[in-house]
Amino acid sequence: MGQFIKAAACAGLMVVAPPVLAQDVRITTFKQSSTFSLNGESYTVFRNPDVNAVITGDFARTSRPCPTDCIQPMVAATGVATLGELEVLAFLETTVTDGRGLLVDARAPEDYATGAIPGSVNIPTLTLSETNRFRKDILRALGASDRSDGSLDFSNAMDLAFYSGGTWSADAPDAITQLIEAGYPASKLFYYRGGMQAWLSVGLSILLSPNG
């Protein structure tokens, strides 16, 4: 998968599972939890069983200055599918577990360290900019291969599902746009528009840094 991606997936985060309470709060009627794996490590996502739980901290905020934190469109780019929480879990259970794709957190590393979706890797938007001289190395780590003319072939590139802070964050849409401009097929890209704020709003478990 490449050393870059392996390092991104091992950012010193730990799964925070909700306490076991009497109240049964499922993901869906027939789904108690979601289990998947990345690089041989297993993750399980639950919903917080505390029916009185509320979002606290920065994600409890409803409004942010625009610019830069403006409400994003439902579709990040033409040909890019938009996902909800259940589709993200299905992507993790199948595409990520099978080694065919990655769930990518496009936020800055310091934001990723404060909490992330289990099974995600951190590839900050800035690293995908054409001004980054290491961008081709990142694209190769994602499955692109070199052509004889110096361009990249994305035929065997991974499927990538991007998210960031929430519907107000441009990090994920910008990362998707930069990849498409680099030649990445839109059909291999997905956008979880709700991001961390929506994930937390339905009580799904996250990863926290032991030092965070």
N, C-alpha and C. Protein backbone atom coordinates (compact mmCIF):
# COMPACT_ATOMS: atom_id res chain seq x y z
N MET A 1 0.83 -1.20 0.00
CA MET A 1 0.00 0.00 0.00
C MET A 1 0.86 1.25 0.00
N GLY A 2 2.15 1.10 0.35
CA GLY A 2 3.06 2.24 0.35
C GLY A 2 3.29 2.76 1.75
N GLN A 3 4.56 3.15 2.00
CA GLN A 3 4.93 3.59 3.35
C GLN A 3 4.16 4.84 3.77
N PHE A 4 3.85 5.72 2.81
CA PHE A 4 3.11 6.94 3.15
C PHE A 4 1.76 6.61 3.73
N ILE A 5 1.04 5.70 3.06
CA ILE A 5 -0.30 5.35 3.53
C ILE A 5 -0.23 4.58 4.83
N LYS A 6 0.76 3.69 4.97
CA LYS A 6 0.89 2.94 6.21
C LYS A 6 1.13 3.89 7.38
N ALA A 7 1.98 4.90 7.15
CA ALA A 7 2.26 5.85 8.21
C ALA A 7 1.03 6.67 8.55
N ALA A 8 0.27 7.04 7.54
CA ALA A 8 -0.94 7.83 7.76
C ALA A 8 -1.97 7.04 8.54
N ALA A 9 -2.00 5.73 8.36
CA ALA A 9 -2.99 4.89 9.02
C ALA A 9 -2.59 4.57 10.46
N CYS A 10 -1.36 4.85 10.83
CA CYS A 10 -0.86 4.51 12.16
C CYS A 10 -0.48 5.80 12.89
N ALA A 11 -1.43 6.68 13.07
CA ALA A 11 -1.14 8.00 13.62
C ALA A 11 -1.28 8.05 15.13
N GLY A 12 -1.19 6.93 15.81
CA GLY A 12 -1.26 6.91 17.26
C GLY A 12 -2.64 7.18 17.81
N LEU A 13 -3.67 6.78 17.07
CA LEU A 13 -5.04 7.00 17.52
C LEU A 13 -5.60 5.73 18.14
N MET A 14 -6.57 5.88 19.01
CA MET A 14 -7.18 4.71 19.62
C MET A 14 -8.69 4.82 19.52
N VAL A 15 -9.34 3.66 19.40
CA VAL A 15 -10.80 3.65 19.30
C VAL A 15 -11.42 3.97 20.64
N VAL A 16 -12.40 4.84 20.60
CA VAL A 16 -13.17 5.16 21.81
C VAL A 16 -14.54 4.53 21.66
N ALA A 17 -14.79 3.48 22.42
CA ALA A 17 -16.08 2.81 22.38
C ALA A 17 -16.98 3.39 23.46
N PRO A 18 -18.25 3.52 23.20
CA PRO A 18 -19.17 4.08 24.19
C PRO A 18 -19.36 3.11 25.35
N PRO A 19 -19.72 3.62 26.51
CA PRO A 19 -19.98 2.74 27.64
C PRO A 19 -21.20 1.86 27.38
N VAL A 20 -21.20 0.69 27.98
CA VAL A 20 -22.32 -0.22 27.81
C VAL A 20 -23.43 0.18 28.78
N LEU A 21 -24.54 0.62 28.23
CA LEU A 21 -25.68 1.02 29.05
C LEU A 21 -26.86 0.13 28.72
N ALA A 22 -27.92 0.25 29.51
CA ALA A 22 -29.09 -0.60 29.30
C ALA A 22 -29.80 -0.27 27.99
N GLN A 23 -29.74 0.99 27.59
CA GLN A 23 -30.43 1.42 26.38
C GLN A 23 -29.76 0.83 25.14
N ASP A 24 -30.56 0.25 24.24
CA ASP A 24 -30.04 -0.32 23.00
C ASP A 24 -30.17 0.72 21.89
N VAL A 25 -29.06 1.22 21.43
CA VAL A 25 -29.04 2.20 20.35
C VAL A 25 -28.25 1.61 19.19
N ARG A 26 -28.95 1.16 18.18
CA ARG A 26 -28.31 0.49 17.05
C ARG A 26 -27.98 1.47 15.93
N ILE A 27 -27.14 0.99 15.01
CA ILE A 27 -26.85 1.77 13.80
C ILE A 27 -28.08 1.76 12.90
N THR A 28 -28.62 0.57 12.66
CA THR A 28 -29.91 0.41 12.00
C THR A 28 -30.67 -0.65 12.78
N THR A 29 -31.91 -0.91 12.41
CA THR A 29 -32.73 -1.89 13.13
C THR A 29 -32.03 -3.24 13.24
N PHE A 30 -31.35 -3.63 12.17
CA PHE A 30 -30.73 -4.95 12.13
C PHE A 30 -29.20 -4.92 12.23
N LYS A 31 -28.65 -3.77 12.61
CA LYS A 31 -27.19 -3.63 12.65
C LYS A 31 -26.77 -2.99 13.97
N GLN A 32 -26.15 -3.79 14.82
CA GLN A 32 -25.71 -3.31 16.12
C GLN A 32 -24.41 -2.51 16.01
N SER A 33 -23.48 -2.97 15.18
CA SER A 33 -22.19 -2.32 15.04
C SER A 33 -21.63 -2.61 13.65
N SER A 34 -20.52 -1.97 13.34
CA SER A 34 -19.86 -2.16 12.04
C SER A 34 -18.40 -2.50 12.29
N THR A 35 -17.92 -3.61 11.74
CA THR A 35 -16.53 -4.03 11.93
C THR A 35 -15.83 -4.13 10.58
N PHE A 36 -14.61 -3.64 10.52
CA PHE A 36 -13.83 -3.64 9.29
C PHE A 36 -12.35 -3.65 9.66
N SER A 37 -11.48 -3.73 8.66
CA SER A 37 -10.04 -3.78 8.95
C SER A 37 -9.25 -2.94 7.98
N LEU A 38 -8.08 -2.50 8.42
CA LEU A 38 -7.14 -1.74 7.60
C LEU A 38 -5.74 -2.15 8.01
N ASN A 39 -4.95 -2.57 7.02
CA ASN A 39 -3.57 -3.02 7.29
C ASN A 39 -3.51 -4.09 8.38
N GLY A 40 -4.50 -4.98 8.38
CA GLY A 40 -4.50 -6.08 9.33
C GLY A 40 -5.02 -5.73 10.71
N GLU A 41 -5.39 -4.47 10.93
CA GLU A 41 -5.93 -4.05 12.23
C GLU A 41 -7.44 -3.91 12.14
N SER A 42 -8.14 -4.46 13.12
CA SER A 42 -9.60 -4.46 13.11
C SER A 42 -10.16 -3.26 13.87
N TYR A 43 -11.26 -2.72 13.35
CA TYR A 43 -11.95 -1.60 13.98
C TYR A 43 -13.43 -1.94 14.09
N THR A 44 -14.07 -1.44 15.13
CA THR A 44 -15.51 -1.60 15.29
C THR A 44 -16.13 -0.26 15.66
N VAL A 45 -17.18 0.11 14.93
CA VAL A 45 -17.89 1.35 15.20
C VAL A 45 -19.23 1.03 15.84
N PHE A 46 -19.55 1.73 16.95
CA PHE A 46 -20.82 1.62 17.65
C PHE A 46 -21.49 2.99 17.66
N ARG A 47 -22.73 3.01 18.09
CA ARG A 47 -23.38 4.27 18.43
C ARG A 47 -23.40 4.41 19.94
N ASN A 48 -23.29 5.63 20.39
CA ASN A 48 -23.35 5.90 21.82
C ASN A 48 -24.72 5.49 22.35
N PRO A 49 -24.77 4.57 23.33
CA PRO A 49 -26.07 4.11 23.83
C PRO A 49 -26.77 5.11 24.76
N ASP A 50 -26.08 6.20 25.10
CA ASP A 50 -26.67 7.21 25.99
C ASP A 50 -27.60 8.11 25.17
N VAL A 51 -28.91 7.93 25.35
CA VAL A 51 -29.87 8.69 24.55
C VAL A 51 -29.93 10.17 24.95
N ASN A 52 -29.22 10.55 26.01
CA ASN A 52 -29.16 11.95 26.43
C ASN A 52 -27.86 12.62 26.00
N ALA A 53 -27.02 11.90 25.26
CA ALA A 53 -25.73 12.45 24.84
C ALA A 53 -25.93 13.59 23.85
N VAL A 54 -25.06 14.59 23.93
CA VAL A 54 -25.09 15.72 23.00
C VAL A 54 -23.67 15.99 22.51
N ILE A 55 -23.56 16.67 21.38
CA ILE A 55 -22.24 17.05 20.87
C ILE A 55 -21.71 18.18 21.74
N THR A 56 -20.44 18.08 22.10
CA THR A 56 -19.78 19.13 22.87
C THR A 56 -18.54 19.60 22.12
N GLY A 57 -17.91 20.63 22.61
CA GLY A 57 -16.68 21.11 22.00
C GLY A 57 -16.92 21.85 20.69
N ASP A 58 -15.91 21.90 19.85
CA ASP A 58 -15.96 22.72 18.63
C ASP A 58 -17.07 22.28 17.68
N PHE A 59 -17.39 20.99 17.62
CA PHE A 59 -18.40 20.52 16.69
C PHE A 59 -19.82 20.82 17.15
N ALA A 60 -19.96 21.40 18.34
CA ALA A 60 -21.29 21.85 18.78
C ALA A 60 -21.64 23.20 18.15
N ARG A 61 -20.67 23.86 17.57
CA ARG A 61 -20.90 25.16 16.92
C ARG A 61 -21.74 24.97 15.66
N THR A 62 -22.69 25.87 15.45
CA THR A 62 -23.53 25.79 14.25
C THR A 62 -23.07 26.72 13.14
N SER A 63 -22.29 27.74 13.48
CA SER A 63 -21.90 28.73 12.48
C SER A 63 -20.42 29.05 12.55
N ARG A 64 -19.83 29.27 11.37
CA ARG A 64 -18.42 29.62 11.25
C ARG A 64 -18.26 30.71 10.21
N PRO A 65 -17.19 31.52 10.30
CA PRO A 65 -16.99 32.60 9.35
C PRO A 65 -16.86 32.07 7.91
N CYS A 66 -17.54 32.74 7.00
CA CYS A 66 -17.45 32.40 5.58
C CYS A 66 -17.15 33.67 4.80
N PRO A 67 -16.02 33.72 4.07
CA PRO A 67 -15.02 32.67 4.01
C PRO A 67 -14.22 32.58 5.32
N THR A 68 -13.62 31.40 5.58
CA THR A 68 -13.36 30.29 4.68
C THR A 68 -14.32 29.11 4.85
N ASP A 69 -15.01 29.05 5.97
CA ASP A 69 -15.84 27.89 6.26
C ASP A 69 -17.26 28.10 5.75
N CYS A 70 -17.42 27.95 4.44
CA CYS A 70 -18.72 28.16 3.79
C CYS A 70 -19.41 26.82 3.55
N ILE A 71 -20.73 26.82 3.52
CA ILE A 71 -21.47 25.58 3.26
C ILE A 71 -21.14 25.06 1.87
N GLN A 72 -20.81 23.77 1.82
CA GLN A 72 -20.36 23.15 0.58
C GLN A 72 -21.54 22.55 -0.19
N PRO A 73 -21.42 22.46 -1.52
CA PRO A 73 -22.48 21.84 -2.32
C PRO A 73 -22.60 20.35 -2.04
N MET A 74 -23.73 19.77 -2.36
CA MET A 74 -23.94 18.35 -2.13
C MET A 74 -23.01 17.49 -2.96
N VAL A 75 -22.70 17.94 -4.18
CA VAL A 75 -21.82 17.19 -5.08
C VAL A 75 -20.49 17.92 -5.16
N ALA A 76 -19.41 17.23 -4.79
CA ALA A 76 -18.08 17.86 -4.77
C ALA A 76 -17.55 18.13 -6.16
N ALA A 77 -17.86 17.24 -7.10
CA ALA A 77 -17.41 17.38 -8.49
C ALA A 77 -18.23 16.44 -9.34
N THR A 78 -18.34 16.74 -10.62
CA THR A 78 -19.10 15.90 -11.53
C THR A 78 -18.54 14.47 -11.54
N GLY A 79 -19.42 13.49 -11.34
CA GLY A 79 -19.01 12.10 -11.35
C GLY A 79 -18.59 11.55 -10.01
N VAL A 80 -18.54 12.40 -8.98
CA VAL A 80 -18.16 11.98 -7.63
C VAL A 80 -19.42 11.74 -6.80
N ALA A 81 -19.59 10.53 -6.29
CA ALA A 81 -20.77 10.19 -5.51
C ALA A 81 -20.66 10.74 -4.09
N THR A 82 -21.78 11.23 -3.57
CA THR A 82 -21.83 11.73 -2.20
C THR A 82 -22.38 10.64 -1.28
N LEU A 83 -21.74 10.46 -0.13
CA LEU A 83 -22.09 9.38 0.79
C LEU A 83 -22.71 9.91 2.08
N GLY A 84 -23.52 9.06 2.70
CA GLY A 84 -24.01 9.28 4.05
C GLY A 84 -23.29 8.32 4.99
N GLU A 85 -23.70 8.31 6.25
CA GLU A 85 -23.01 7.49 7.24
C GLU A 85 -23.06 6.00 6.92
N LEU A 86 -24.21 5.49 6.51
CA LEU A 86 -24.32 4.06 6.22
C LEU A 86 -23.46 3.67 5.03
N GLU A 87 -23.38 4.56 4.05
CA GLU A 87 -22.54 4.27 2.88
C GLU A 87 -21.06 4.30 3.25
N VAL A 88 -20.68 5.19 4.18
CA VAL A 88 -19.29 5.23 4.65
C VAL A 88 -18.96 3.91 5.36
N LEU A 89 -19.85 3.44 6.21
CA LEU A 89 -19.62 2.17 6.90
C LEU A 89 -19.52 1.01 5.91
N ALA A 90 -20.39 1.00 4.90
CA ALA A 90 -20.33 -0.05 3.89
C ALA A 90 -19.02 0.01 3.12
N PHE A 91 -18.54 1.23 2.84
CA PHE A 91 -17.26 1.41 2.14
C PHE A 91 -16.12 0.84 2.98
N LEU A 92 -16.15 1.09 4.29
CA LEU A 92 -15.13 0.55 5.19
C LEU A 92 -15.19 -0.97 5.27
N GLU A 93 -16.40 -1.49 5.36
CA GLU A 93 -16.58 -2.94 5.52
C GLU A 93 -16.17 -3.72 4.27
N THR A 94 -16.29 -3.11 3.11
CA THR A 94 -16.02 -3.81 1.85
C THR A 94 -14.75 -3.30 1.19
N THR A 95 -14.80 -2.11 0.63
CA THR A 95 -13.69 -1.60 -0.17
C THR A 95 -12.40 -1.46 0.62
N VAL A 96 -12.48 -0.87 1.82
CA VAL A 96 -11.27 -0.71 2.64
C VAL A 96 -10.77 -2.06 3.15
N THR A 97 -11.68 -2.87 3.67
CA THR A 97 -11.29 -4.18 4.20
C THR A 97 -10.68 -5.05 3.12
N ASP A 98 -11.17 -4.93 1.89
CA ASP A 98 -10.64 -5.73 0.78
C ASP A 98 -9.33 -5.17 0.22
N GLY A 99 -8.89 -4.02 0.72
CA GLY A 99 -7.65 -3.43 0.25
C GLY A 99 -7.78 -2.68 -1.06
N ARG A 100 -9.01 -2.37 -1.46
CA ARG A 100 -9.24 -1.69 -2.74
C ARG A 100 -9.43 -0.19 -2.60
N GLY A 101 -9.47 0.29 -1.36
CA GLY A 101 -9.71 1.72 -1.18
C GLY A 101 -9.36 2.20 0.21
N LEU A 102 -9.50 3.52 0.40
CA LEU A 102 -9.19 4.15 1.67
C LEU A 102 -10.24 5.21 2.00
N LEU A 103 -10.54 5.33 3.29
CA LEU A 103 -11.32 6.46 3.78
C LEU A 103 -10.31 7.52 4.20
N VAL A 104 -10.39 8.70 3.59
CA VAL A 104 -9.36 9.72 3.77
C VAL A 104 -9.90 10.92 4.54
N ASP A 105 -9.22 11.27 5.62
CA ASP A 105 -9.50 12.49 6.37
C ASP A 105 -8.61 13.57 5.79
N ALA A 106 -9.23 14.59 5.18
CA ALA A 106 -8.47 15.62 4.47
C ALA A 106 -8.10 16.81 5.34
N ARG A 107 -8.36 16.73 6.64
CA ARG A 107 -8.05 17.83 7.53
C ARG A 107 -6.55 17.91 7.83
N ALA A 108 -6.14 18.99 8.46
CA ALA A 108 -4.76 19.13 8.90
C ALA A 108 -4.45 18.09 9.98
N PRO A 109 -3.19 17.67 10.09
CA PRO A 109 -2.84 16.64 11.08
C PRO A 109 -3.27 16.98 12.50
N GLU A 110 -3.16 18.25 12.89
CA GLU A 110 -3.53 18.62 14.26
C GLU A 110 -5.02 18.45 14.50
N ASP A 111 -5.84 18.61 13.46
CA ASP A 111 -7.28 18.38 13.61
C ASP A 111 -7.58 16.88 13.62
N TYR A 112 -6.90 16.13 12.77
CA TYR A 112 -7.07 14.68 12.73
C TYR A 112 -6.76 14.06 14.09
N ALA A 113 -5.74 14.60 14.77
CA ALA A 113 -5.32 14.05 16.06
C ALA A 113 -6.34 14.26 17.16
N THR A 114 -7.27 15.20 16.97
CA THR A 114 -8.27 15.45 18.00
C THR A 114 -9.44 14.47 17.94
N GLY A 115 -9.52 13.67 16.87
CA GLY A 115 -10.59 12.70 16.72
C GLY A 115 -10.87 12.46 15.25
N ALA A 116 -11.03 11.19 14.89
CA ALA A 116 -11.23 10.84 13.48
C ALA A 116 -12.13 9.63 13.37
N ILE A 117 -12.64 9.39 12.17
CA ILE A 117 -13.46 8.20 11.93
C ILE A 117 -12.56 6.97 11.95
N PRO A 118 -12.90 5.93 12.69
CA PRO A 118 -12.08 4.71 12.71
C PRO A 118 -11.85 4.16 11.31
N GLY A 119 -10.63 3.72 11.05
CA GLY A 119 -10.30 3.16 9.76
C GLY A 119 -9.91 4.17 8.71
N SER A 120 -9.89 5.46 9.10
CA SER A 120 -9.50 6.50 8.14
C SER A 120 -8.00 6.76 8.21
N VAL A 121 -7.46 7.33 7.13
CA VAL A 121 -6.07 7.76 7.09
C VAL A 121 -6.05 9.26 6.82
N ASN A 122 -5.02 9.91 7.30
CA ASN A 122 -4.93 11.36 7.17
C ASN A 122 -4.04 11.74 5.99
N ILE A 123 -4.67 12.32 4.96
CA ILE A 123 -3.94 12.88 3.83
C ILE A 123 -4.43 14.32 3.69
N PRO A 124 -3.74 15.27 4.33
CA PRO A 124 -4.20 16.66 4.31
C PRO A 124 -4.31 17.21 2.89
N THR A 125 -5.30 18.07 2.70
CA THR A 125 -5.54 18.65 1.39
C THR A 125 -4.30 19.30 0.80
N LEU A 126 -3.52 20.00 1.62
CA LEU A 126 -2.34 20.69 1.12
C LEU A 126 -1.33 19.76 0.49
N THR A 127 -1.27 18.51 0.94
CA THR A 127 -0.30 17.58 0.37
C THR A 127 -0.67 17.15 -1.05
N LEU A 128 -1.92 17.40 -1.46
CA LEU A 128 -2.37 17.01 -2.79
C LEU A 128 -2.29 18.17 -3.79
N SER A 129 -1.80 19.31 -3.32
CA SER A 129 -1.65 20.46 -4.20
C SER A 129 -0.56 20.21 -5.23
N GLU A 130 -0.73 20.74 -6.43
CA GLU A 130 0.28 20.58 -7.47
C GLU A 130 1.60 21.24 -7.10
N THR A 131 1.58 22.12 -6.12
CA THR A 131 2.82 22.77 -5.68
C THR A 131 3.65 21.87 -4.76
N ASN A 132 3.07 20.78 -4.30
CA ASN A 132 3.80 19.84 -3.46
C ASN A 132 4.66 18.92 -4.33
N ARG A 133 5.97 19.02 -4.21
CA ARG A 133 6.85 18.24 -5.09
C ARG A 133 6.78 16.75 -4.80
N PHE A 134 6.16 16.37 -3.70
CA PHE A 134 6.02 14.96 -3.37
C PHE A 134 4.64 14.40 -3.76
N ARG A 135 3.84 15.21 -4.47
CA ARG A 135 2.49 14.76 -4.79
C ARG A 135 2.50 13.48 -5.62
N LYS A 136 3.39 13.37 -6.58
CA LYS A 136 3.43 12.15 -7.40
C LYS A 136 3.73 10.93 -6.56
N ASP A 137 4.55 11.08 -5.54
CA ASP A 137 4.84 9.96 -4.65
C ASP A 137 3.58 9.53 -3.91
N ILE A 138 2.78 10.50 -3.49
CA ILE A 138 1.52 10.18 -2.81
C ILE A 138 0.57 9.46 -3.78
N LEU A 139 0.48 9.97 -5.01
CA LEU A 139 -0.40 9.36 -5.99
C LEU A 139 0.05 7.94 -6.32
N ARG A 140 1.35 7.72 -6.38
CA ARG A 140 1.85 6.35 -6.60
C ARG A 140 1.47 5.45 -5.43
N ALA A 141 1.56 5.99 -4.21
CA ALA A 141 1.17 5.20 -3.03
C ALA A 141 -0.31 4.85 -3.06
N LEU A 142 -1.10 5.66 -3.76
CA LEU A 142 -2.53 5.41 -3.88
C LEU A 142 -2.87 4.51 -5.07
N GLY A 143 -1.84 4.03 -5.76
CA GLY A 143 -2.06 3.05 -6.82
C GLY A 143 -1.79 3.51 -8.23
N ALA A 144 -1.44 4.78 -8.42
CA ALA A 144 -1.11 5.26 -9.76
C ALA A 144 0.24 4.70 -10.19
N SER A 145 0.43 4.55 -11.49
CA SER A 145 1.69 4.04 -12.02
C SER A 145 2.20 4.96 -13.10
N ASP A 146 3.50 4.92 -13.34
CA ASP A 146 4.13 5.82 -14.31
C ASP A 146 3.97 5.31 -15.73
N ARG A 147 3.67 6.24 -16.63
CA ARG A 147 3.67 5.95 -18.05
C ARG A 147 5.02 6.38 -18.64
N SER A 148 5.30 5.90 -19.83
CA SER A 148 6.57 6.23 -20.47
C SER A 148 6.70 7.71 -20.80
N ASP A 149 5.56 8.40 -20.95
CA ASP A 149 5.61 9.83 -21.29
C ASP A 149 5.70 10.72 -20.05
N GLY A 150 5.82 10.13 -18.87
CA GLY A 150 5.95 10.90 -17.64
C GLY A 150 4.65 11.16 -16.92
N SER A 151 3.54 10.84 -17.56
CA SER A 151 2.24 11.01 -16.90
C SER A 151 1.94 9.80 -16.03
N LEU A 152 0.83 9.86 -15.32
CA LEU A 152 0.44 8.77 -14.43
C LEU A 152 -0.77 8.03 -14.97
N ASP A 153 -0.77 6.73 -14.78
CA ASP A 153 -1.89 5.87 -15.16
C ASP A 153 -2.66 5.52 -13.89
N PHE A 154 -3.94 5.87 -13.85
CA PHE A 154 -4.76 5.66 -12.65
C PHE A 154 -5.68 4.44 -12.76
N SER A 155 -5.41 3.58 -13.73
CA SER A 155 -6.28 2.43 -13.95
C SER A 155 -6.41 1.55 -12.71
N ASN A 156 -5.33 1.39 -11.97
CA ASN A 156 -5.34 0.52 -10.79
C ASN A 156 -5.31 1.32 -9.49
N ALA A 157 -5.63 2.61 -9.57
CA ALA A 157 -5.63 3.44 -8.37
C ALA A 157 -6.78 3.03 -7.44
N MET A 158 -6.59 3.30 -6.16
CA MET A 158 -7.59 2.94 -5.16
C MET A 158 -8.84 3.81 -5.25
N ASP A 159 -9.95 3.29 -4.78
CA ASP A 159 -11.14 4.10 -4.54
C ASP A 159 -10.90 4.89 -3.26
N LEU A 160 -11.23 6.17 -3.28
CA LEU A 160 -10.98 7.03 -2.12
C LEU A 160 -12.25 7.75 -1.71
N ALA A 161 -12.61 7.64 -0.44
CA ALA A 161 -13.75 8.38 0.11
C ALA A 161 -13.21 9.46 1.04
N PHE A 162 -13.50 10.71 0.74
CA PHE A 162 -12.97 11.85 1.49
C PHE A 162 -13.99 12.45 2.44
N TYR A 163 -13.51 12.90 3.60
CA TYR A 163 -14.33 13.70 4.50
C TYR A 163 -13.44 14.71 5.19
N SER A 164 -14.07 15.70 5.82
CA SER A 164 -13.33 16.66 6.63
C SER A 164 -14.19 17.05 7.83
N GLY A 165 -14.25 18.33 8.19
CA GLY A 165 -14.91 18.70 9.43
C GLY A 165 -16.42 18.64 9.41
N GLY A 166 -17.01 19.01 8.29
CA GLY A 166 -18.47 19.04 8.21
C GLY A 166 -18.92 19.64 6.89
N THR A 167 -20.20 19.94 6.80
CA THR A 167 -20.74 20.48 5.55
C THR A 167 -20.18 21.85 5.22
N TRP A 168 -19.55 22.48 6.20
CA TRP A 168 -18.97 23.81 6.04
C TRP A 168 -17.50 23.76 5.66
N SER A 169 -16.90 22.58 5.63
CA SER A 169 -15.46 22.47 5.39
C SER A 169 -15.15 22.22 3.92
N ALA A 170 -14.23 23.00 3.37
CA ALA A 170 -13.83 22.83 1.97
C ALA A 170 -12.66 21.86 1.81
N ASP A 171 -12.12 21.34 2.91
CA ASP A 171 -10.94 20.48 2.80
C ASP A 171 -11.18 19.26 1.90
N ALA A 172 -12.26 18.53 2.15
CA ALA A 172 -12.53 17.33 1.35
C ALA A 172 -12.85 17.67 -0.11
N PRO A 173 -13.76 18.63 -0.39
CA PRO A 173 -14.02 18.99 -1.78
C PRO A 173 -12.77 19.48 -2.51
N ASP A 174 -11.93 20.27 -1.83
CA ASP A 174 -10.70 20.77 -2.45
C ASP A 174 -9.75 19.62 -2.78
N ALA A 175 -9.64 18.65 -1.87
CA ALA A 175 -8.78 17.50 -2.12
C ALA A 175 -9.26 16.72 -3.34
N ILE A 176 -10.56 16.55 -3.43
CA ILE A 176 -11.15 15.84 -4.58
C ILE A 176 -10.86 16.60 -5.88
N THR A 177 -11.05 17.91 -5.85
CA THR A 177 -10.79 18.72 -7.04
C THR A 177 -9.34 18.62 -7.48
N GLN A 178 -8.43 18.66 -6.53
CA GLN A 178 -7.00 18.57 -6.85
C GLN A 178 -6.65 17.22 -7.45
N LEU A 179 -7.26 16.15 -6.94
CA LEU A 179 -6.99 14.83 -7.50
C LEU A 179 -7.52 14.70 -8.92
N ILE A 180 -8.71 15.23 -9.16
CA ILE A 180 -9.28 15.17 -10.51
C ILE A 180 -8.40 15.96 -11.48
N GLU A 181 -7.92 17.12 -11.05
CA GLU A 181 -7.03 17.91 -11.90
C GLU A 181 -5.72 17.18 -12.17
N ALA A 182 -5.31 16.30 -11.25
CA ALA A 182 -4.09 15.51 -11.44
C ALA A 182 -4.33 14.30 -12.34
N GLY A 183 -5.60 14.03 -12.68
CA GLY A 183 -5.92 12.91 -13.55
C GLY A 183 -6.64 11.77 -12.88
N TYR A 184 -6.89 11.88 -11.57
CA TYR A 184 -7.58 10.80 -10.85
C TYR A 184 -9.02 10.71 -11.36
N PRO A 185 -9.49 9.51 -11.67
CA PRO A 185 -10.86 9.37 -12.20
C PRO A 185 -11.91 9.73 -11.15
N ALA A 186 -12.87 10.53 -11.53
CA ALA A 186 -13.94 10.91 -10.61
C ALA A 186 -14.73 9.70 -10.12
N SER A 187 -14.81 8.68 -10.96
CA SER A 187 -15.56 7.47 -10.60
C SER A 187 -14.92 6.71 -9.44
N LYS A 188 -13.66 7.01 -9.14
CA LYS A 188 -12.95 6.36 -8.04
C LYS A 188 -12.95 7.21 -6.77
N LEU A 189 -13.65 8.35 -6.81
CA LEU A 189 -13.67 9.27 -5.69
C LEU A 189 -15.07 9.41 -5.11
N PHE A 190 -15.14 9.56 -3.78
CA PHE A 190 -16.40 9.66 -3.06
C PHE A 190 -16.29 10.77 -2.02
N TYR A 191 -17.43 11.35 -1.67
CA TYR A 191 -17.44 12.51 -0.77
C TYR A 191 -18.44 12.29 0.35
N TYR A 192 -17.92 12.19 1.58
CA TYR A 192 -18.80 12.16 2.76
C TYR A 192 -18.95 13.60 3.23
N ARG A 193 -19.99 14.25 2.77
CA ARG A 193 -20.18 15.68 2.99
C ARG A 193 -20.36 16.02 4.47
N GLY A 194 -21.05 15.17 5.22
CA GLY A 194 -21.33 15.47 6.61
C GLY A 194 -20.10 15.56 7.48
N GLY A 195 -19.07 14.77 7.16
CA GLY A 195 -17.81 14.83 7.89
C GLY A 195 -17.94 14.53 9.37
N MET A 196 -16.97 15.01 10.13
CA MET A 196 -16.91 14.69 11.55
C MET A 196 -18.13 15.19 12.32
N GLN A 197 -18.62 16.36 11.97
CA GLN A 197 -19.75 16.91 12.72
C GLN A 197 -20.99 16.04 12.58
N ALA A 198 -21.28 15.58 11.36
CA ALA A 198 -22.44 14.71 11.15
C ALA A 198 -22.22 13.34 11.80
N TRP A 199 -20.99 12.83 11.71
CA TRP A 199 -20.66 11.53 12.31
C TRP A 199 -20.93 11.56 13.81
N LEU A 200 -20.48 12.64 14.46
CA LEU A 200 -20.69 12.78 15.89
C LEU A 200 -22.15 13.03 16.23
N SER A 201 -22.88 13.68 15.33
CA SER A 201 -24.27 14.03 15.61
C SER A 201 -25.17 12.81 15.70
N VAL A 202 -24.74 11.67 15.13
CA VAL A 202 -25.53 10.44 15.25
C VAL A 202 -24.87 9.46 16.22
N GLY A 203 -23.89 9.95 16.98
CA GLY A 203 -23.33 9.18 18.09
C GLY A 203 -22.39 8.05 17.69
N LEU A 204 -21.81 8.11 16.50
CA LEU A 204 -20.90 7.04 16.07
C LEU A 204 -19.53 7.21 16.73
N SER A 205 -18.90 6.10 17.09
CA SER A 205 -17.62 6.14 17.79
C SER A 205 -16.51 6.67 16.90
N ILE A 206 -15.51 7.27 17.53
CA ILE A 206 -14.39 7.88 16.81
C ILE A 206 -13.07 7.39 17.37
N LEU A 207 -11.99 7.81 16.71
CA LEU A 207 -10.64 7.57 17.20
C LEU A 207 -10.14 8.83 17.87
N LEU A 208 -9.47 8.68 19.00
CA LEU A 208 -8.86 9.80 19.69
C LEU A 208 -7.39 9.53 19.87
N SER A 209 -6.59 10.59 19.82
CA SER A 209 -5.17 10.45 20.09
C SER A 209 -4.95 10.24 21.59
N PRO A 210 -4.08 9.29 21.96
CA PRO A 210 -3.80 9.10 23.40
C PRO A 210 -3.25 10.36 24.06
N ASN A 211 -2.67 11.24 23.24
CA ASN A 211 -2.09 12.48 23.77
C ASN A 211 -3.01 13.67 23.55
N GLY A 212 -4.20 13.40 22.95
CA GLY A 212 -5.10 14.50 22.63
C GLY A 212 -5.99 14.91 23.78
